[in-house]
Amino acid sequence: MKRGVYSKINIKKGEKIRNEDIFFAMPYINGQVESGKWKDGIVSKIDIKPNEPISTDEVLMPEDNDYIIIKKAIHEVKAMLS
């Protein structure tokens, strides 16, 4: 039972989307940002109207901090072994 991310307000292209700008609801639509993947600060690539689902194609998702830390550690170990 996934919940999708929907806009509460008008969001302009290029704006950072804040937690207070969205809500989670069903139905989840294939290709939509899932509630579990939501991160504050996602940037909109298009204008989004209130109550519209937010698609992964319509936003720039920031990289996951855990992924960045792991990636950096791997590169450091590779450099030490070289």
C-alpha atoms as a PDB file:
ATOM      1  CA  MET A   1       0.000   0.000   0.000  1.00  0.00           C
ATOM      2  CA  LYS A   2       2.217   2.802  -1.290  1.00  0.00           C
ATOM      3  CA  ARG A   3       1.344   6.443  -0.916  1.00  0.00           C
ATOM      4  CA  GLY A   4       2.305   8.968  -3.546  1.00  0.00           C
ATOM      5  CA  VAL A   5       3.501  12.547  -3.192  1.00  0.00           C
ATOM      6  CA  TYR A   6       1.023  15.272  -4.185  1.00  0.00           C
ATOM      7  CA  SER A   7       1.361  19.056  -4.289  1.00  0.00           C
ATOM      8  CA  LYS A   8      -0.567  21.188  -1.773  1.00  0.00           C
ATOM      9  CA  ILE A   9       0.238  24.463  -3.544  1.00  0.00           C
ATOM     10  CA  ASN A  10       1.297  25.933  -6.863  1.00  0.00           C
ATOM     11  CA  ILE A  11       4.961  25.046  -7.306  1.00  0.00           C
ATOM     12  CA  LYS A  12       6.979  26.928  -9.904  1.00  0.00           C
ATOM     13  CA  LYS A  13       9.641  25.407 -12.128  1.00  0.00           C
ATOM     14  CA  GLY A  14      13.037  25.602 -10.397  1.00  0.00           C
ATOM     15  CA  GLU A  15      11.620  25.884  -6.865  1.00  0.00           C
ATOM     16  CA  LYS A  16      12.752  23.667  -4.021  1.00  0.00           C
ATOM     17  CA  ILE A  17       9.780  21.684  -2.777  1.00  0.00           C
ATOM     18  CA  ARG A  18       9.438  21.761   1.008  1.00  0.00           C
ATOM     19  CA  ASN A  19       7.689  19.324   3.312  1.00  0.00           C
ATOM     20  CA  GLU A  20       4.906  21.851   3.891  1.00  0.00           C
ATOM     21  CA  ASP A  21       4.286  22.055   0.107  1.00  0.00           C
ATOM     22  CA  ILE A  22       3.241  18.411  -0.290  1.00  0.00           C
ATOM     23  CA  PHE A  23       1.070  15.665   1.132  1.00  0.00           C
ATOM     24  CA  PHE A  24       1.077  11.865   0.862  1.00  0.00           C
ATOM     25  CA  ALA A  25      -2.001  10.059  -0.385  1.00  0.00           C
ATOM     26  CA  MET A  26      -3.348   7.086  -2.280  1.00  0.00           C
ATOM     27  CA  PRO A  27      -3.504   6.133  -4.981  1.00  0.00           C
ATOM     28  CA  TYR A  28       0.154   5.816  -5.812  1.00  0.00           C
ATOM     29  CA  ILE A  29       0.550   6.244  -9.570  1.00  0.00           C
ATOM     30  CA  ASN A  30       3.332   4.363 -11.356  1.00  0.00           C
ATOM     31  CA  GLY A  31       6.250   6.773 -11.886  1.00  0.00           C
ATOM     32  CA  GLN A  32       5.174   9.065  -9.061  1.00  0.00           C
ATOM     33  CA  VAL A  33       7.504   9.990  -6.194  1.00  0.00           C
ATOM     34  CA  GLU A  34       6.772   7.516  -3.379  1.00  0.00           C
ATOM     35  CA  SER A  35       6.264   8.769   0.165  1.00  0.00           C
ATOM     36  CA  GLY A  36       9.225   6.656   1.332  1.00  0.00           C
ATOM     37  CA  LYS A  37      11.542   8.269  -1.243  1.00  0.00           C
ATOM     38  CA  TRP A  38      10.528  11.836  -0.395  1.00  0.00           C
ATOM     39  CA  LYS A  39      13.276  14.236   0.708  1.00  0.00           C
ATOM     40  CA  ASP A  40      12.883  17.880   1.604  1.00  0.00           C
ATOM     41  CA  GLY A  41      14.554  20.085  -1.014  1.00  0.00           C
ATOM     42  CA  ILE A  42      13.651  18.218  -4.186  1.00  0.00           C
ATOM     43  CA  VAL A  43      13.618  20.735  -7.079  1.00  0.00           C
ATOM     44  CA  SER A  44      10.732  20.982  -9.537  1.00  0.00           C
ATOM     45  CA  LYS A  45      11.537  20.844 -13.267  1.00  0.00           C
ATOM     46  CA  ILE A  46       8.043  22.065 -14.197  1.00  0.00           C
ATOM     47  CA  ASP A  47       5.162  24.102 -12.805  1.00  0.00           C
ATOM     48  CA  ILE A  48       2.971  21.879 -10.614  1.00  0.00           C
ATOM     49  CA  LYS A  49      -0.598  22.743  -9.607  1.00  0.00           C
ATOM     50  CA  PRO A  50      -2.251  21.959  -6.260  1.00  0.00           C
ATOM     51  CA  ASN A  51      -3.426  18.353  -5.770  1.00  0.00           C
ATOM     52  CA  GLU A  52      -1.385  17.084  -8.738  1.00  0.00           C
ATOM     53  CA  PRO A  53       0.735  13.966  -8.289  1.00  0.00           C
ATOM     54  CA  ILE A  54       4.473  14.676  -8.426  1.00  0.00           C
ATOM     55  CA  SER A  55       6.251  12.435 -10.918  1.00  0.00           C
ATOM     56  CA  THR A  56       9.898  11.401 -10.626  1.00  0.00           C
ATOM     57  CA  ASP A  57      10.373  12.781 -14.168  1.00  0.00           C
ATOM     58  CA  GLU A  58       9.192  16.222 -13.019  1.00  0.00           C
ATOM     59  CA  VAL A  59      11.740  16.728 -10.230  1.00  0.00           C
ATOM     60  CA  LEU A  60      15.461  16.666  -9.526  1.00  0.00           C
ATOM     61  CA  MET A  61      16.097  14.333  -6.618  1.00  0.00           C
ATOM     62  CA  PRO A  62      19.140  15.086  -4.408  1.00  0.00           C
ATOM     63  CA  GLU A  63      21.617  12.257  -4.043  1.00  0.00           C
ATOM     64  CA  ASP A  64      21.166  10.088  -0.985  1.00  0.00           C
ATOM     65  CA  ASN A  65      23.629  11.113   1.761  1.00  0.00           C
ATOM     66  CA  ASP A  66      24.303   7.472   2.675  1.00  0.00           C
ATOM     67  CA  TYR A  67      25.121   6.731  -0.959  1.00  0.00           C
ATOM     68  CA  ILE A  68      27.506   9.695  -1.129  1.00  0.00           C
ATOM     69  CA  ILE A  69      29.317   8.600   2.063  1.00  0.00           C
ATOM     70  CA  ILE A  70      29.692   5.011   0.824  1.00  0.00           C
ATOM     71  CA  LYS A  71      30.836   6.153  -2.625  1.00  0.00           C
ATOM     72  CA  LYS A  72      33.471   8.467  -1.092  1.00  0.00           C
ATOM     73  CA  ALA A  73      34.737   5.684   1.196  1.00  0.00           C
ATOM     74  CA  ILE A  74      35.088   3.266  -1.734  1.00  0.00           C
ATOM     75  CA  HIS A  75      37.121   5.821  -3.699  1.00  0.00           C
ATOM     76  CA  GLU A  76      39.357   6.458  -0.684  1.00  0.00           C
ATOM     77  CA  VAL A  77      40.033   2.732  -0.237  1.00  0.00           C
ATOM     78  CA  LYS A  78      40.739   2.333  -3.977  1.00  0.00           C
ATOM     79  CA  ALA A  79      43.222   5.221  -3.806  1.00  0.00           C
ATOM     80  CA  MET A  80      44.981   3.653  -0.808  1.00  0.00           C
ATOM     81  CA  LEU A  81      45.275   0.304  -2.598  1.00  0.00           C
ATOM     82  CA  SER A  82      46.638   1.820  -5.803  1.00  0.00           C
END
